[in-house]
Amino acid sequence: MTALRGAATAALDGVRDRNASAWLLTPDGSRERPDLRDRMRRYADTDEVDIAIVGCGAGGSVLLQRLARAGWSTVAFDAGPFWDPGRDWVSDEAGSHHLYWTEPRQIGGGDPVPLGSNNSGRGVGGSMVHYAGYVPRFHPSDFRTRTNDGVGADWPIAYDELRPFYEDIENELPVAGEDWPWGDPHSYPHGPHPVSGNGETFLRGANAAGITAKVGPVAITNGRFGHRPHCIYRGFCLQGCKVNAKASPLITHIPDALDHGAEVRADCMVSSIEVDERTGRAIGVHYFRDGVARFQRARMVAIAGYSIETPRLLLNSASKRFPDGLCNDFDQVGRYLMVQGAPQTAGRFPDEIRMWKAPPPEVSTEEFYETDPAKPYKRGYSIQTVSPLPITWAEHVMAQGHWGADLRRYMSDYVHWACLGALCEFLAQPDNRVTLADETDRYGLPVAHFAYTQCDNDRALAKAAQATMERILEAAGAQETMTLQRYAHLVGGARMAADETEGVVDRDCRTFAVPNLLITDGSVLPTQGSANPALTIMAVAARAADRIIERPEP
């Protein structure tokens, strides 16, 4: 284990080095970073690389970087482009939809979940290029909800096994925030950022209501960090951070991976995983590039396409050995897919708040995260500032039935509103799942159908969270409140379990059915907690990398 922690330290140093170097002085005195893609190593389809990774988001990018630094020949595929923040991103809501996964999907169930801008990513960096930058840890209790609370599932690993990887990733991003009192109390590498009017309102209301709230944790540099500038508090985190103050794999782990010999193939849609019928091992990936079907040979394969596309890829990889989909012998692929309930409650104040002038998440409370025996529901919720921009704010207002002149009045009053958002731990249920639809996409592949229905516990949690947000805003002096019911992050769909009858991968993220096939994204999470999942996905992927470096052959 000492050697593994040494490898993790080297990976951390690599991310720091990439953040601190590789800048050139141009003739006009400005600084310019050379594009690593121009000198990226490129493998041939006929080369048998050590590992082919499907997806360059939170999980795929960390795995790629760790294995490249360990000397593995690595190729990662992403269906979207390799972004250039300065050229491709804009400080505009309407101009940012190209960051989201907008390929066809079907939704259904009793409470269908809209898919797109708040829970899917497209391009290198995945949804972390347009996430809010909030990176809390899961709590120790999240790993034993079945034992402790009688709901959800127990993870086959404990919180203590993930703690060192949380610490590594927090340093690599790096994370800024106050000392954190909840779950496993800990501190962060950078001190907290100053807060906006929205954050000040939350802190004031929470204090008046007797609720503890803290600033952070955000994956946004507090001060200069290598070549990355200080956050300028422009409020467009969800549209891609043009100044690169907000961490995402695109500017942290991907550059370091490329610097150590990895290849990233953007604009490549992986269609299926090939498994040798004789050996039962994965031997490569089929993919489309420029409309041409191709095949990359690989000694190992990892899937990191997130909770919709990962189950879809497994189901689309059916074969004689796996007639119902790859790794689906026990009908577990696509099941237990979770979303967080994410109601947003806004309050109107006499003074101007100007909630958009900062990163959307600044202040949070996890005081209601754990199961409270006095409440009629299990598990809990967290609350954060959210700060919707004007188009999202208009949708919020219209959802209350305000139209015409009334809508214009609310929009003109935008500067007076503060907004909070909850993340509610909606429970894992087997029939909330991804299956294949009859509809096909532009590659001729069946698209995903995602069916979702809330349970009574879910509805009770959302109601309780709304009441708490109203209490905080009213304690701060709100004259009026309004709430929008919505969903947030996806996890699950190929969950980690102790045995193959209960999940798709083992404690090290290896699939039970195919020993050299891994899954290293949010789909492996057995529960979702009330925390934003990015940090946990990255930590799980970092742990999986250490495990396969230690034992590459199952």
Protein backbone atom coordinates (compact mmCIF):
# COMPACT_ATOMS: atom_id res chain seq x y z
CA MET A 1 0.00 0.00 0.00
CA THR A 2 2.95 2.34 0.58
CA ALA A 3 3.91 2.04 -3.08
CA LEU A 4 0.38 2.86 -4.10
CA ARG A 5 0.29 5.99 -1.97
CA GLY A 6 3.62 6.93 -3.55
CA ALA A 7 2.01 6.62 -6.98
CA ALA A 8 -0.86 8.83 -5.82
CA THR A 9 1.60 11.46 -4.59
CA ALA A 10 3.35 11.39 -7.96
CA ALA A 11 -0.01 11.91 -9.68
CA LEU A 12 -0.72 14.87 -7.42
CA ASP A 13 2.67 16.38 -8.19
CA GLY A 14 1.97 15.88 -11.89
CA VAL A 15 -1.27 17.84 -11.77
CA ARG A 16 0.50 20.59 -9.83
CA ASP A 17 3.30 20.63 -12.38
CA ARG A 18 0.85 20.91 -15.25
CA ASN A 19 -0.89 23.77 -13.47
CA ALA A 20 2.38 25.57 -12.90
CA SER A 21 4.21 25.21 -16.20
CA ALA A 22 3.99 24.97 -19.99
CA TRP A 23 3.51 28.67 -20.69
CA LEU A 24 5.38 30.67 -23.31
CA LEU A 25 6.01 34.41 -23.52
CA THR A 26 4.75 35.80 -26.85
CA PRO A 27 6.34 38.79 -28.67
CA ASP A 28 3.67 41.16 -27.41
CA GLY A 29 4.43 40.20 -23.80
CA SER A 30 1.35 38.08 -23.20
CA ARG A 31 1.53 34.46 -22.06
CA GLU A 32 0.36 31.62 -24.23
CA ARG A 33 0.06 27.94 -23.43
CA PRO A 34 1.16 25.59 -26.23
CA ASP A 35 -1.47 23.03 -27.16
CA LEU A 36 -0.42 19.58 -25.98
CA ARG A 37 -2.70 18.08 -28.60
CA ASP A 38 -0.25 19.16 -31.30
CA ARG A 39 2.36 16.81 -29.82
CA MET A 40 0.03 14.20 -28.32
CA ARG A 41 1.10 10.62 -28.80
CA ARG A 42 -1.11 8.79 -31.28
CA TYR A 43 -1.64 5.05 -31.45
CA ALA A 44 -2.84 3.00 -34.40
CA ASP A 45 -6.05 1.00 -34.22
CA THR A 46 -3.93 -2.11 -34.75
CA ASP A 47 -1.74 -1.31 -31.72
CA GLU A 48 -2.85 -3.28 -28.68
CA VAL A 49 -2.82 -0.52 -26.08
CA ASP A 50 -2.78 -1.37 -22.41
CA ILE A 51 -6.19 0.21 -21.85
CA ALA A 52 -8.92 1.89 -23.87
CA ILE A 53 -11.11 4.24 -21.81
CA VAL A 54 -14.57 5.27 -22.97
CA GLY A 55 -15.35 8.78 -21.70
CA CYS A 56 -13.22 11.73 -20.57
CA GLY A 57 -15.26 13.07 -17.67
CA ALA A 58 -14.60 12.91 -13.93
CA GLY A 59 -13.90 9.17 -13.77
CA GLY A 60 -12.33 8.53 -17.16
CA SER A 61 -9.89 11.43 -16.99
CA VAL A 62 -8.56 10.55 -13.54
CA LEU A 63 -8.09 6.91 -14.58
CA LEU A 64 -6.34 8.00 -17.78
CA GLN A 65 -3.96 10.31 -15.93
CA ARG A 66 -3.05 7.76 -13.23
CA LEU A 67 -2.36 4.97 -15.71
CA ALA A 68 -0.41 7.19 -18.11
CA ARG A 69 1.86 8.26 -15.26
CA ALA A 70 2.33 4.57 -14.39
CA GLY A 71 3.68 3.98 -17.89
CA TRP A 72 0.62 2.33 -19.44
CA SER A 73 -0.19 2.90 -23.10
CA THR A 74 -3.58 4.60 -22.83
CA VAL A 75 -6.24 5.85 -25.26
CA ALA A 76 -9.40 7.63 -24.14
CA PHE A 77 -12.41 8.23 -26.38
CA ASP A 78 -15.02 10.95 -26.10
CA ALA A 79 -18.09 11.44 -28.28
CA GLY A 80 -17.75 15.22 -28.09
CA PRO A 81 -15.03 17.72 -28.98
CA PHE A 82 -11.75 18.58 -27.32
CA TRP A 83 -12.74 21.99 -25.97
CA ASP A 84 -10.70 25.17 -26.18
CA PRO A 85 -12.19 27.33 -23.39
CA GLY A 86 -11.11 30.63 -24.90
CA ARG A 87 -12.49 29.82 -28.32
CA ASP A 88 -15.44 27.50 -27.67
CA TRP A 89 -17.08 28.86 -24.52
CA VAL A 90 -19.11 32.02 -24.03
CA SER A 91 -20.44 33.89 -21.01
CA ASP A 92 -24.00 33.37 -22.15
CA GLU A 93 -26.67 30.89 -21.15
CA ALA A 94 -28.23 30.53 -24.60
CA GLY A 95 -24.84 30.08 -26.24
CA SER A 96 -23.73 27.19 -24.03
CA HIS A 97 -26.02 24.33 -24.99
CA HIS A 98 -23.27 22.73 -27.06
CA LEU A 99 -21.62 21.74 -23.75
CA TYR A 100 -24.48 19.39 -22.92
CA TRP A 101 -25.36 15.91 -24.16
CA THR A 102 -28.25 16.66 -26.51
CA GLU A 103 -28.26 13.43 -28.53
CA PRO A 104 -31.66 11.66 -28.55
CA ARG A 105 -32.86 9.93 -25.40
CA GLN A 106 -36.26 8.81 -24.15
CA ILE A 107 -37.67 9.42 -20.68
CA GLY A 108 -40.61 7.84 -18.91
CA GLY A 109 -41.94 6.51 -15.62
CA GLY A 110 -44.24 8.19 -13.13
CA ASP A 111 -41.92 11.18 -12.59
CA PRO A 112 -39.82 11.56 -15.77
CA VAL A 113 -36.42 13.22 -15.42
CA PRO A 114 -35.52 15.89 -18.01
CA LEU A 115 -32.08 15.14 -19.42
CA GLY A 116 -29.58 17.67 -20.68
CA SER A 117 -28.01 20.75 -19.21
CA ASN A 118 -27.87 19.92 -15.50
CA ASN A 119 -26.94 16.25 -15.62
CA SER A 120 -25.08 15.38 -18.83
CA GLY A 121 -21.89 16.48 -20.52
CA ARG A 122 -20.50 16.34 -24.03
CA GLY A 123 -16.81 16.68 -24.83
CA VAL A 124 -13.47 16.21 -23.11
CA GLY A 125 -13.94 17.04 -19.43
CA GLY A 126 -17.51 15.69 -19.42
CA SER A 127 -20.16 17.43 -17.36
CA MET A 128 -17.44 18.88 -15.12
CA VAL A 129 -16.80 21.59 -17.72
CA HIS A 130 -20.27 22.94 -16.90
CA TYR A 131 -20.74 21.78 -13.32
CA ALA A 132 -21.10 24.36 -10.58
CA GLY A 133 -17.70 23.56 -9.07
CA TYR A 134 -19.07 22.30 -5.75
CA VAL A 135 -17.11 19.31 -4.42
CA PRO A 136 -18.20 18.10 -0.97
CA ARG A 137 -17.34 14.60 0.20
CA PHE A 138 -19.86 11.88 0.89
CA HIS A 139 -20.35 11.11 4.59
CA PRO A 140 -19.25 7.87 6.26
CA SER A 141 -22.94 7.06 6.74
CA ASP A 142 -23.48 7.00 2.96
CA PHE A 143 -21.52 3.77 2.75
CA ARG A 144 -23.81 1.84 5.15
CA THR A 145 -27.36 3.11 4.59
CA ARG A 146 -28.88 -0.39 4.46
CA THR A 147 -27.31 -1.41 7.76
CA ASN A 148 -27.86 1.88 9.55
CA ASP A 149 -31.11 3.16 8.06
CA GLY A 150 -32.78 0.18 6.39
CA VAL A 151 -32.81 1.84 2.95
CA GLY A 152 -30.55 1.96 -0.10
CA ALA A 153 -27.52 -0.33 -0.13
CA ASP A 154 -24.24 -0.85 1.69
CA TRP A 155 -21.14 -0.18 -0.37
CA PRO A 156 -18.58 -3.01 -0.59
CA ILE A 157 -15.96 -0.45 0.48
CA ALA A 158 -15.92 1.78 3.56
CA TYR A 159 -15.47 5.54 3.76
CA ASP A 160 -12.03 5.07 5.32
CA GLU A 161 -10.83 3.32 2.15
CA LEU A 162 -11.80 6.36 0.08
CA ARG A 163 -10.54 9.06 2.47
CA PRO A 164 -6.94 9.23 1.17
CA PHE A 165 -8.23 9.55 -2.38
CA TYR A 166 -10.59 12.35 -1.36
CA GLU A 167 -7.57 14.14 0.10
CA ASP A 168 -5.51 13.61 -3.07
CA ILE A 169 -8.20 14.97 -5.39
CA GLU A 170 -8.92 17.93 -3.11
CA ASN A 171 -5.26 18.90 -3.42
CA GLU A 172 -5.14 18.29 -7.16
CA LEU A 173 -8.10 20.49 -8.07
CA PRO A 174 -7.48 22.29 -5.54
CA VAL A 175 -10.50 22.90 -3.28
CA ALA A 176 -11.22 26.09 -1.32
CA GLY A 177 -13.48 26.26 1.71
CA GLU A 178 -13.87 26.63 5.45
CA ASP A 179 -13.10 23.78 7.82
CA TRP A 180 -15.90 21.28 7.30
CA PRO A 181 -17.70 20.08 10.46
CA TRP A 182 -20.01 17.45 8.96
CA GLY A 183 -19.49 13.79 8.11
CA ASP A 184 -15.78 13.20 8.57
CA PRO A 185 -14.63 16.70 9.71
CA HIS A 186 -11.74 17.98 7.60
CA SER A 187 -10.11 21.10 6.16
CA TYR A 188 -9.30 22.17 2.59
CA PRO A 189 -6.08 23.20 0.80
CA HIS A 190 -7.30 26.76 0.13
CA GLY A 191 -9.18 29.08 2.45
CA PRO A 192 -12.74 30.13 1.58
CA HIS A 193 -13.61 32.63 -1.12
CA PRO A 194 -15.41 35.88 -0.29
CA VAL A 195 -19.16 35.52 -0.80
CA SER A 196 -21.73 37.50 -2.76
CA GLY A 197 -25.00 38.97 -1.63
CA ASN A 198 -26.63 35.56 -2.06
CA GLY A 199 -24.06 33.91 0.21
CA GLU A 200 -24.36 36.69 2.78
CA THR A 201 -28.14 36.27 2.76
CA PHE A 202 -27.84 32.52 3.35
CA LEU A 203 -25.36 33.00 6.20
CA ARG A 204 -27.54 35.66 7.83
CA GLY A 205 -30.73 33.63 7.53
CA ALA A 206 -29.11 30.40 8.70
CA ASN A 207 -27.66 32.14 11.74
CA ALA A 208 -31.05 33.64 12.60
CA ALA A 209 -32.71 30.22 12.19
CA GLY A 210 -30.11 28.46 14.36
CA ILE A 211 -28.63 26.51 11.45
CA THR A 212 -24.88 26.11 10.86
CA ALA A 213 -23.69 27.07 7.36
CA LYS A 214 -20.17 27.20 5.92
CA VAL A 215 -18.45 28.75 2.90
CA GLY A 216 -17.31 26.25 0.23
CA PRO A 217 -16.09 23.73 -0.75
CA VAL A 218 -15.48 24.79 -4.34
CA ALA A 219 -12.95 23.50 -6.89
CA ILE A 220 -12.02 27.08 -7.72
CA THR A 221 -8.57 28.47 -7.00
CA ASN A 222 -8.54 31.08 -4.26
CA GLY A 223 -5.71 33.18 -5.64
CA ARG A 224 -3.46 32.36 -8.58
CA PHE A 225 -2.48 28.68 -8.92
CA GLY A 226 0.26 28.08 -11.44
CA HIS A 227 -1.04 29.27 -14.80
CA ARG A 228 -4.61 29.42 -13.52
CA PRO A 229 -5.87 32.87 -12.57
CA HIS A 230 -7.97 33.92 -9.62
CA CYS A 231 -11.73 33.55 -9.98
CA ILE A 232 -13.23 36.83 -11.23
CA TYR A 233 -16.68 36.03 -9.78
CA ARG A 234 -18.50 36.49 -13.08
CA GLY A 235 -21.04 33.77 -12.23
CA PHE A 236 -20.84 31.71 -15.44
CA CYS A 237 -19.50 28.46 -13.92
CA LEU A 238 -22.33 26.46 -15.48
CA GLN A 239 -21.43 27.74 -18.95
CA GLY A 240 -17.78 26.65 -18.81
CA CYS A 241 -15.13 28.69 -17.05
CA LYS A 242 -13.38 30.74 -19.74
CA VAL A 243 -10.70 31.95 -17.32
CA ASN A 244 -9.86 28.39 -16.10
CA ALA A 245 -10.12 29.30 -12.41
CA LYS A 246 -12.65 26.50 -11.97
CA ALA A 247 -11.12 23.03 -12.03
CA SER A 248 -12.27 20.39 -14.47
CA PRO A 249 -10.41 17.38 -15.88
CA LEU A 250 -9.97 19.33 -19.12
CA ILE A 251 -7.48 21.67 -17.41
CA THR A 252 -6.19 19.48 -14.57
CA HIS A 253 -5.87 15.75 -15.30
CA ILE A 254 -6.10 15.60 -19.09
CA PRO A 255 -3.04 17.82 -19.74
CA ASP A 256 -0.95 15.77 -17.33
CA ALA A 257 -2.12 12.54 -18.98
CA LEU A 258 -1.15 13.84 -22.43
CA ASP A 259 2.22 14.93 -21.09
CA HIS A 260 2.83 11.31 -20.06
CA GLY A 261 1.98 9.66 -23.35
CA ALA A 262 -1.79 9.29 -23.26
CA GLU A 263 -3.94 9.85 -26.33
CA VAL A 264 -7.39 11.45 -26.24
CA ARG A 265 -9.57 10.81 -29.30
CA ALA A 266 -12.31 13.40 -29.34
CA ASP A 267 -15.37 13.26 -31.62
CA CYS A 268 -15.29 9.46 -31.46
CA MET A 269 -18.51 7.63 -30.57
CA VAL A 270 -17.89 4.19 -29.07
CA SER A 271 -20.62 1.80 -30.21
CA SER A 272 -19.76 -1.47 -28.45
CA ILE A 273 -17.18 -3.40 -26.45
CA GLU A 274 -15.76 -6.50 -28.13
CA VAL A 275 -15.37 -9.61 -25.96
CA ASP A 276 -13.50 -12.67 -27.15
CA GLU A 277 -15.96 -15.57 -27.15
CA ARG A 278 -13.20 -18.07 -26.32
CA THR A 279 -11.47 -16.30 -23.43
CA GLY A 280 -14.34 -14.17 -22.16
CA ARG A 281 -12.06 -11.12 -22.04
CA ALA A 282 -12.53 -7.68 -23.55
CA ILE A 283 -10.22 -7.15 -26.54
CA GLY A 284 -11.10 -3.63 -27.67
CA VAL A 285 -13.75 -1.09 -28.62
CA HIS A 286 -15.74 -0.44 -31.78
CA TYR A 287 -16.15 3.25 -32.52
CA PHE A 288 -17.15 5.77 -35.18
CA ARG A 289 -14.83 8.55 -36.29
CA ASP A 290 -15.83 10.90 -39.11
CA GLY A 291 -18.66 8.51 -39.93
CA VAL A 292 -16.31 5.55 -40.38
CA ALA A 293 -16.60 2.42 -38.21
CA ARG A 294 -13.27 1.50 -36.61
CA PHE A 295 -11.89 -0.86 -33.96
CA GLN A 296 -9.17 -0.21 -31.37
CA ARG A 297 -7.43 -3.22 -29.87
CA ALA A 298 -6.75 -3.09 -26.12
CA ARG A 299 -5.53 -5.34 -23.34
CA MET A 300 -8.07 -3.83 -20.94
CA VAL A 301 -11.14 -1.62 -21.37
CA ALA A 302 -12.72 0.87 -18.99
CA ILE A 303 -16.11 2.50 -19.43
CA ALA A 304 -16.69 5.97 -17.99
CA GLY A 305 -19.68 7.26 -19.93
CA TYR A 306 -21.79 8.15 -16.85
CA SER A 307 -25.14 6.84 -15.72
CA ILE A 308 -27.09 6.92 -18.99
CA GLU A 309 -24.48 6.16 -21.62
CA THR A 310 -22.59 3.49 -19.65
CA PRO A 311 -25.63 1.18 -19.27
CA ARG A 312 -26.60 1.96 -22.85
CA LEU A 313 -23.16 0.92 -24.12
CA LEU A 314 -23.28 -2.32 -22.11
CA LEU A 315 -26.75 -3.12 -23.45
CA ASN A 316 -25.65 -2.29 -27.00
CA SER A 317 -22.71 -4.69 -26.60
CA ALA A 318 -24.88 -7.81 -26.63
CA SER A 319 -23.33 -10.97 -28.03
CA LYS A 320 -23.86 -14.72 -28.12
CA ARG A 321 -22.31 -14.95 -24.66
CA PHE A 322 -24.26 -11.92 -23.39
CA PRO A 323 -27.58 -11.96 -25.27
CA ASP A 324 -29.21 -9.44 -22.89
CA GLY A 325 -26.30 -7.05 -22.87
CA LEU A 326 -22.71 -7.14 -21.70
CA CYS A 327 -22.34 -7.97 -17.97
CA ASN A 328 -26.11 -8.37 -17.68
CA ASP A 329 -26.40 -12.01 -16.64
CA PHE A 330 -28.42 -11.04 -13.55
CA ASP A 331 -30.42 -8.15 -15.06
CA GLN A 332 -28.49 -5.54 -13.08
CA VAL A 333 -27.32 -3.29 -15.93
CA GLY A 334 -29.23 -0.02 -15.95
CA ARG A 335 -30.97 -0.62 -12.60
CA TYR A 336 -30.90 1.52 -9.44
CA LEU A 337 -30.30 4.73 -11.36
CA MET A 338 -30.72 7.68 -9.01
CA VAL A 339 -31.25 11.42 -9.32
CA GLN A 340 -31.14 13.92 -6.51
CA GLY A 341 -34.24 15.91 -5.80
CA ALA A 342 -33.16 19.52 -6.25
CA PRO A 343 -35.91 22.01 -5.39
CA GLN A 344 -34.85 25.64 -5.60
CA THR A 345 -36.45 28.25 -3.34
CA ALA A 346 -36.01 31.96 -4.02
CA GLY A 347 -36.73 34.88 -1.72
CA ARG A 348 -37.35 38.55 -2.54
CA PHE A 349 -35.59 41.19 -0.41
CA PRO A 350 -35.93 44.98 -0.17
CA ASP A 351 -32.22 45.52 -0.83
CA GLU A 352 -30.43 44.50 -4.00
CA ILE A 353 -28.84 41.04 -3.73
CA ARG A 354 -27.27 40.66 -7.20
CA MET A 355 -27.00 36.90 -6.69
CA TRP A 356 -25.28 36.25 -10.04
CA LYS A 357 -22.06 38.03 -9.08
CA ALA A 358 -20.19 34.94 -7.82
CA PRO A 359 -19.99 31.19 -8.45
CA PRO A 360 -23.51 29.76 -8.06
CA PRO A 361 -22.57 27.56 -5.07
CA GLU A 362 -20.81 29.48 -2.30
CA VAL A 363 -22.38 28.58 1.02
CA SER A 364 -23.82 25.29 2.20
CA THR A 365 -25.25 23.45 5.16
CA GLU A 366 -25.19 19.69 5.70
CA GLU A 367 -26.98 19.90 9.03
CA PHE A 368 -29.89 17.86 7.63
CA TYR A 369 -27.79 15.28 5.75
CA GLU A 370 -28.24 12.28 8.08
CA THR A 371 -31.33 10.30 9.03
CA ASP A 372 -33.22 11.99 11.87
CA PRO A 373 -35.20 9.41 13.88
CA ALA A 374 -37.73 12.12 14.75
CA LYS A 375 -38.64 12.62 11.07
CA PRO A 376 -41.04 10.48 9.02
CA TYR A 377 -38.44 9.85 6.29
CA LYS A 378 -35.00 8.27 5.97
CA ARG A 379 -31.74 9.99 5.01
CA GLY A 380 -31.68 13.72 4.34
CA TYR A 381 -30.68 16.73 2.28
CA SER A 382 -28.14 19.52 1.97
CA ILE A 383 -28.75 23.16 1.04
CA GLN A 384 -26.56 25.43 -1.10
CA THR A 385 -26.71 28.81 -2.78
CA VAL A 386 -27.55 28.36 -6.48
CA SER A 387 -27.88 31.84 -8.10
CA PRO A 388 -29.73 31.18 -11.40
CA LEU A 389 -28.84 33.43 -14.35
CA PRO A 390 -31.60 35.36 -16.20
CA ILE A 391 -32.90 32.65 -18.58
CA THR A 392 -33.02 30.07 -15.79
CA TRP A 393 -34.58 32.68 -13.52
CA ALA A 394 -37.28 33.33 -16.13
CA GLU A 395 -38.04 29.59 -16.22
CA HIS A 396 -38.25 29.62 -12.42
CA VAL A 397 -40.73 32.52 -12.48
CA MET A 398 -42.83 31.12 -15.33
CA ALA A 399 -43.16 27.83 -13.43
CA GLN A 400 -45.11 29.78 -10.81
CA GLY A 401 -47.64 30.82 -13.48
CA HIS A 402 -46.35 34.34 -14.07
CA TRP A 403 -46.71 35.52 -17.68
CA GLY A 404 -46.85 38.73 -19.69
CA ALA A 405 -46.58 41.94 -17.72
CA ASP A 406 -46.31 39.96 -14.47
CA LEU A 407 -43.30 38.05 -15.83
CA ARG A 408 -41.66 41.29 -16.97
CA ARG A 409 -42.14 42.74 -13.50
CA TYR A 410 -40.42 39.76 -11.86
CA MET A 411 -37.58 39.90 -14.38
CA SER A 412 -37.07 43.61 -13.72
CA ASP A 413 -36.93 42.74 -10.03
CA TYR A 414 -34.19 40.12 -10.56
CA VAL A 415 -31.57 42.05 -8.57
CA HIS A 416 -33.66 41.77 -5.39
CA TRP A 417 -33.86 37.97 -5.30
CA ALA A 418 -31.72 35.38 -3.54
CA CYS A 419 -31.98 31.68 -4.32
CA LEU A 420 -31.13 28.48 -2.45
CA GLY A 421 -31.12 24.92 -3.75
CA ALA A 422 -31.43 21.60 -1.96
CA LEU A 423 -29.94 18.24 -2.85
CA CYS A 424 -32.22 15.50 -1.53
CA GLU A 425 -31.09 11.88 -1.32
CA PHE A 426 -33.73 10.16 -3.41
CA LEU A 427 -33.47 6.43 -2.82
CA ALA A 428 -32.17 3.75 -5.16
CA GLN A 429 -35.01 1.65 -6.59
CA PRO A 430 -34.56 -1.29 -8.99
CA ASP A 431 -37.19 -0.18 -11.50
CA ASN A 432 -35.64 3.26 -11.95
CA ARG A 433 -33.48 2.16 -14.83
CA VAL A 434 -32.06 2.53 -18.32
CA THR A 435 -33.19 0.18 -21.08
CA LEU A 436 -32.86 0.38 -24.87
CA ALA A 437 -35.53 2.15 -26.88
CA ASP A 438 -36.78 1.28 -30.37
CA GLU A 439 -35.50 4.66 -31.59
CA THR A 440 -31.96 4.84 -32.98
CA ASP A 441 -29.43 7.65 -33.16
CA ARG A 442 -27.41 8.94 -36.13
CA TYR A 443 -25.05 5.97 -35.79
CA GLY A 444 -27.90 3.49 -35.99
CA LEU A 445 -27.56 2.58 -32.30
CA PRO A 446 -30.62 2.13 -30.05
CA VAL A 447 -30.92 5.13 -27.73
CA ALA A 448 -31.41 4.98 -23.98
CA HIS A 449 -34.83 4.95 -22.35
CA PHE A 450 -34.70 6.19 -18.74
CA ALA A 451 -37.75 5.41 -16.58
CA TYR A 452 -37.98 7.11 -13.20
CA THR A 453 -40.63 7.23 -10.45
CA GLN A 454 -40.29 8.81 -7.02
CA CYS A 455 -41.20 6.95 -3.85
CA ASP A 456 -43.01 8.39 -0.82
CA ASN A 457 -39.72 8.92 1.01
CA ASP A 458 -38.44 11.01 -1.91
CA ARG A 459 -41.48 13.28 -1.85
CA ALA A 460 -41.28 13.75 1.90
CA LEU A 461 -37.61 14.75 1.65
CA ALA A 462 -38.27 17.35 -1.04
CA LYS A 463 -41.10 18.83 1.02
CA ALA A 464 -38.91 19.04 4.13
CA ALA A 465 -36.05 20.65 2.19
CA GLN A 466 -38.37 23.29 0.77
CA ALA A 467 -39.67 24.12 4.24
CA THR A 468 -36.12 24.57 5.55
CA MET A 469 -35.12 26.83 2.66
CA GLU A 470 -38.21 28.96 3.22
CA ARG A 471 -37.34 29.18 6.92
CA ILE A 472 -33.78 30.37 6.15
CA LEU A 473 -34.89 32.98 3.61
CA GLU A 474 -37.69 34.29 5.82
CA ALA A 475 -35.30 34.49 8.77
CA ALA A 476 -33.04 36.60 6.55
CA GLY A 477 -35.92 38.99 5.82
CA ALA A 478 -37.48 37.67 2.59
CA GLN A 479 -40.79 39.35 1.72
CA GLU A 480 -41.90 36.60 -0.68
CA THR A 481 -40.71 33.08 -1.58
CA MET A 482 -41.26 30.77 -4.53
CA THR A 483 -40.09 27.21 -5.19
CA LEU A 484 -39.29 25.31 -8.37
CA GLN A 485 -39.30 21.50 -8.17
CA ARG A 486 -36.47 19.95 -10.20
CA TYR A 487 -33.85 17.21 -10.33
CA ALA A 488 -30.05 17.30 -10.27
CA HIS A 489 -27.17 14.82 -10.55
CA LEU A 490 -27.39 11.27 -11.90
CA VAL A 491 -25.61 8.28 -10.36
CA GLY A 492 -26.08 4.50 -10.45
CA GLY A 493 -27.00 2.19 -13.30
CA ALA A 494 -24.00 -0.18 -13.03
CA ARG A 495 -23.52 -0.28 -9.32
CA MET A 496 -20.73 -1.62 -7.16
CA ALA A 497 -21.72 -4.61 -5.04
CA ALA A 498 -20.37 -7.51 -3.03
CA ASP A 499 -21.51 -10.09 -5.60
CA GLU A 500 -22.76 -10.27 -9.17
CA THR A 501 -26.39 -10.88 -8.26
CA GLU A 502 -26.62 -7.41 -6.69
CA GLY A 503 -24.50 -5.27 -9.01
CA VAL A 504 -22.30 -4.98 -12.08
CA VAL A 505 -18.80 -4.24 -10.67
CA ASP A 506 -16.85 -5.35 -7.62
CA ARG A 507 -15.21 -3.18 -4.96
CA ASP A 508 -12.34 -2.35 -7.34
CA CYS A 509 -14.64 -1.33 -10.22
CA ARG A 510 -13.94 -4.52 -12.22
CA THR A 511 -17.01 -6.02 -13.83
CA PHE A 512 -17.96 -9.39 -12.39
CA ALA A 513 -18.61 -10.92 -15.81
CA VAL A 514 -15.54 -9.70 -17.74
CA PRO A 515 -12.37 -9.64 -15.62
CA ASN A 516 -10.46 -7.06 -17.70
CA LEU A 517 -13.38 -4.66 -18.13
CA LEU A 518 -13.75 -1.79 -15.62
CA ILE A 519 -16.38 0.88 -15.03
CA THR A 520 -15.08 4.05 -13.38
CA ASP A 521 -17.83 6.67 -13.43
CA GLY A 522 -20.84 7.71 -11.38
CA SER A 523 -22.83 4.70 -12.53
CA VAL A 524 -20.98 2.48 -10.01
CA LEU A 525 -22.16 4.45 -6.94
CA PRO A 526 -24.58 2.32 -4.86
CA THR A 527 -26.01 5.41 -3.07
CA GLN A 528 -25.83 9.12 -3.80
CA GLY A 529 -25.98 10.94 -0.50
CA SER A 530 -26.95 14.61 -0.46
CA ALA A 531 -23.62 15.75 -1.88
CA ASN A 532 -22.62 16.77 -5.39
CA PRO A 533 -21.01 13.58 -6.78
CA ALA A 534 -17.99 14.83 -8.81
CA LEU A 535 -15.40 14.52 -6.03
CA THR A 536 -16.56 11.01 -5.09
CA ILE A 537 -16.51 9.86 -8.73
CA MET A 538 -12.93 11.12 -9.08
CA ALA A 539 -11.87 9.50 -5.79
CA VAL A 540 -13.42 6.15 -6.76
CA ALA A 541 -11.61 6.28 -10.11
CA ALA A 542 -8.30 7.15 -8.40
CA ARG A 543 -8.71 4.18 -6.06
CA ALA A 544 -9.55 1.89 -8.99
CA ALA A 545 -6.40 3.05 -10.78
CA ASP A 546 -4.25 2.24 -7.76
CA ARG A 547 -5.82 -1.21 -7.52
CA ILE A 548 -5.22 -2.16 -11.15
CA ILE A 549 -1.68 -0.78 -11.11
CA GLU A 550 -1.07 -3.07 -8.15
CA ARG A 551 -2.85 -6.05 -9.76
CA PRO A 552 -3.25 -5.49 -13.53
CA GLU A 553 -4.18 -9.09 -14.31
CA PRO A 554 -7.26 -10.51 -12.53
